[in-house]
């Protein structure tokens, strides 16, 4: 046994030498803290950006809804002015369509046609239970204030009051 040493290690027995007894440890944690700090800052900026984005988006969404509601009244008044009573009637809810036939439109607006109108989306009021649109209508040479009650029927808005 002249060629063997006492106290030989496992590495010597397998013929390979391991480079480390344990994996190396980064002694400087500064890189870890810098990475965590940058990640935290990015998280805070995203949260603040989300809150600010929502704060700016809500009034914009409200303006879009008001414009959509006002456009229904504009389509209705333009159709009445142009004596296109079929299109005007399509802007009404089912209950109003049953009450206001094409003959009703001809009788009601035949004697005093609408000459002009003004609808401003700023005059739309959207409440918890009601949606109303104020409009000015030129009829018989005089401007008159009209108020239309609106409802949502599926994915669209319809006029459901204020026609008489």
Protein backbone atom coordinates (compact mmCIF):
# COMPACT_ATOMS: atom_id res chain seq x y z
CA UNK A 1 0.00 0.00 0.00
CA UNK A 2 2.70 2.25 -0.76
CA UNK A 3 0.77 4.26 -3.36
CA UNK A 4 -2.23 5.14 -1.24
CA UNK A 5 -2.44 7.99 1.16
CA UNK A 6 -4.26 7.96 4.38
CA UNK A 7 -7.22 10.24 4.71
CA UNK A 8 -7.98 10.31 1.03
CA UNK A 9 -11.09 12.29 0.10
CA UNK A 10 -14.11 11.33 -2.01
CA UNK A 11 -12.85 13.52 -4.82
CA UNK A 12 -9.66 11.60 -4.90
CA UNK A 13 -11.59 8.35 -5.01
CA UNK A 14 -13.75 9.40 -7.99
CA UNK A 15 -10.96 11.00 -9.87
CA UNK A 16 -12.67 14.45 -10.02
CA UNK A 17 -11.90 17.49 -8.03
CA UNK A 18 -14.80 19.73 -6.97
CA UNK A 19 -14.04 23.41 -7.39
CA UNK A 20 -15.87 24.46 -4.20
CA UNK A 21 -16.89 22.77 -1.04
CA UNK A 22 -20.16 24.80 -1.10
CA UNK A 23 -21.69 27.11 -3.73
CA UNK A 24 -20.16 30.55 -3.70
CA UNK A 25 -22.00 33.21 -1.75
CA UNK A 26 -22.22 36.80 -2.86
CA UNK A 27 -20.74 38.69 0.01
CA UNK A 28 -21.98 42.06 -1.25
CA UNK A 29 -25.82 42.40 -1.03
CA UNK A 30 -25.77 45.87 -2.56
CA UNK A 31 -26.89 44.56 -5.99
CA UNK A 32 -29.83 42.75 -4.40
CA UNK A 33 -30.99 45.89 -2.58
CA UNK A 34 -30.61 48.03 -5.70
CA UNK A 35 -32.73 45.53 -7.68
CA UNK A 36 -35.39 45.41 -4.98
CA UNK A 37 -35.44 49.21 -4.76
CA UNK A 38 -35.90 49.62 -8.51
CA UNK A 39 -38.62 46.95 -8.54
CA UNK A 40 -40.42 48.65 -5.63
CA UNK A 41 -40.19 52.03 -7.33
CA UNK A 42 -41.63 50.57 -10.54
CA UNK A 43 -44.49 49.02 -8.54
CA UNK A 44 -45.30 52.31 -6.82
CA UNK A 45 -45.22 54.19 -10.14
CA UNK A 46 -47.57 51.65 -11.73
CA UNK A 47 -50.03 51.93 -8.83
CA UNK A 48 -49.97 55.73 -8.89
CA UNK A 49 -50.30 55.71 -12.69
CA UNK A 50 -53.32 53.40 -12.44
CA UNK A 51 -55.07 55.64 -9.92
CA UNK A 52 -54.34 58.78 -11.94
CA UNK A 53 -55.44 57.05 -15.16
CA UNK A 54 -58.76 56.03 -13.63
CA UNK A 55 -59.28 59.55 -12.28
CA UNK A 56 -58.86 60.95 -15.81
CA UNK A 57 -60.86 58.16 -17.47
CA UNK A 58 -64.06 58.47 -15.43
CA UNK A 59 -65.02 61.99 -16.60
CA UNK A 60 -64.17 61.01 -20.17
CA UNK A 61 -66.45 57.96 -19.94
CA UNK A 62 -69.24 60.17 -18.58
CA UNK A 63 -68.84 62.55 -21.54
CA UNK A 64 -69.02 59.63 -23.97
CA UNK A 65 -72.28 58.41 -22.41
CA UNK A 66 -73.76 61.92 -22.54
CA UNK A 67 -72.78 62.27 -26.20
CA UNK A 68 -74.38 58.94 -27.07
CA UNK A 69 -77.63 59.86 -25.31
CA UNK A 70 -77.70 63.31 -26.92
CA UNK A 71 -77.11 61.82 -30.37
CA UNK A 72 -80.30 59.72 -30.07
CA UNK A 73 -82.32 62.90 -29.51
CA UNK A 74 -80.49 64.61 -32.38
CA UNK A 75 -81.31 61.73 -34.74
CA UNK A 76 -84.95 61.85 -33.60
CA UNK A 77 -85.30 65.63 -34.08
CA UNK A 78 -83.48 65.59 -37.44
CA UNK A 79 -85.79 62.82 -38.67
CA UNK A 80 -88.89 64.72 -37.53
CA UNK A 81 -87.59 67.90 -39.16
CA UNK A 82 -86.96 65.99 -42.41
CA UNK A 83 -90.37 64.26 -42.12
CA UNK A 84 -88.69 60.84 -41.93
CA UNK A 85 -91.10 59.55 -39.31
CA UNK A 86 -90.00 55.93 -39.63
CA UNK A 87 -86.48 56.83 -38.51
CA UNK A 88 -87.86 59.09 -35.78
CA UNK A 89 -90.09 56.28 -34.51
CA UNK A 90 -87.12 53.87 -34.35
CA UNK A 91 -85.56 56.14 -31.71
CA UNK A 92 -88.48 55.43 -29.34
CA UNK A 93 -88.88 52.68 -26.76
CA UNK A 94 -91.42 49.93 -27.42
CA UNK A 95 -94.15 51.54 -25.29
CA UNK A 96 -93.79 54.88 -27.09
CA UNK A 97 -93.78 53.16 -30.49
CA UNK A 98 -97.14 51.56 -29.66
CA UNK A 99 -98.55 54.98 -28.71
CA UNK A 100 -96.94 57.09 -31.45
CA UNK A 101 -97.69 55.67 -34.87
CA UNK A 102 -96.58 57.14 -38.18
CA UNK A 103 -100.07 58.71 -38.41
CA UNK A 104 -99.54 60.39 -35.05
CA UNK A 105 -96.28 61.95 -36.31
CA UNK A 106 -97.99 63.16 -39.48
CA UNK A 107 -100.88 64.69 -37.51
CA UNK A 108 -98.73 66.15 -34.74
CA UNK A 109 -95.93 67.63 -36.86
CA UNK A 110 -97.87 68.22 -40.09
CA UNK A 111 -99.48 71.39 -38.71
CA UNK A 112 -96.38 72.66 -36.91
CA UNK A 113 -93.18 71.14 -38.32
CA UNK A 114 -89.85 71.40 -36.53
CA UNK A 115 -87.69 73.90 -38.38
CA UNK A 116 -84.51 73.62 -36.30
CA UNK A 117 -83.25 72.22 -33.00
CA UNK A 118 -80.32 72.40 -30.57
CA UNK A 119 -79.11 69.55 -28.40
CA UNK A 120 -76.08 70.03 -26.16
CA UNK A 121 -74.48 66.97 -24.48
CA UNK A 122 -73.84 69.23 -21.48
CA UNK A 123 -77.63 69.37 -21.02
CA UNK A 124 -77.83 65.61 -20.49
CA UNK A 125 -78.49 64.52 -16.91
CA UNK A 126 -77.67 60.94 -16.01
CA UNK A 127 -78.96 59.99 -12.57
CA UNK A 128 -79.31 56.71 -10.72
CA UNK A 129 -82.85 56.14 -11.92
CA UNK A 130 -83.32 58.51 -14.86
CA UNK A 131 -81.67 59.96 -17.93
CA UNK A 132 -83.01 63.21 -19.36
CA UNK A 133 -82.00 65.32 -22.32
CA UNK A 134 -82.96 68.97 -22.68
CA UNK A 135 -83.30 70.35 -26.20
CA UNK A 136 -84.43 73.60 -27.80
CA UNK A 137 -86.82 73.18 -30.72
CA UNK A 138 -87.82 75.86 -33.26
CA UNK A 139 -91.46 75.26 -34.08
CA UNK A 140 -94.03 77.79 -35.32
CA UNK A 141 -91.36 80.49 -35.37
CA UNK A 142 -90.63 80.14 -31.63
CA UNK A 143 -87.95 78.33 -29.69
CA UNK A 144 -89.37 75.98 -27.09
CA UNK A 145 -87.63 73.91 -24.43
CA UNK A 146 -88.25 70.17 -24.66
CA UNK A 147 -87.24 67.46 -22.21
CA UNK A 148 -86.83 63.85 -23.33
CA UNK A 149 -86.72 60.93 -20.91
CA UNK A 150 -84.34 58.21 -21.99
CA UNK A 151 -83.94 54.53 -21.22
CA UNK A 152 -81.39 51.96 -22.13
CA UNK A 153 -82.81 49.17 -24.28
CA UNK A 154 -80.15 46.51 -24.64
CA UNK A 155 -77.00 48.18 -25.88
CA UNK A 156 -78.63 51.41 -27.12
CA UNK A 157 -80.50 54.35 -25.67
CA UNK A 158 -84.09 55.14 -26.65
CA UNK A 159 -86.54 57.98 -26.01
CA UNK A 160 -89.22 56.88 -23.61
CA UNK A 161 -91.01 60.06 -22.61
CA UNK A 162 -91.42 63.74 -23.30
CA UNK A 163 -92.96 63.45 -26.75
CA UNK A 164 -96.40 64.96 -26.13
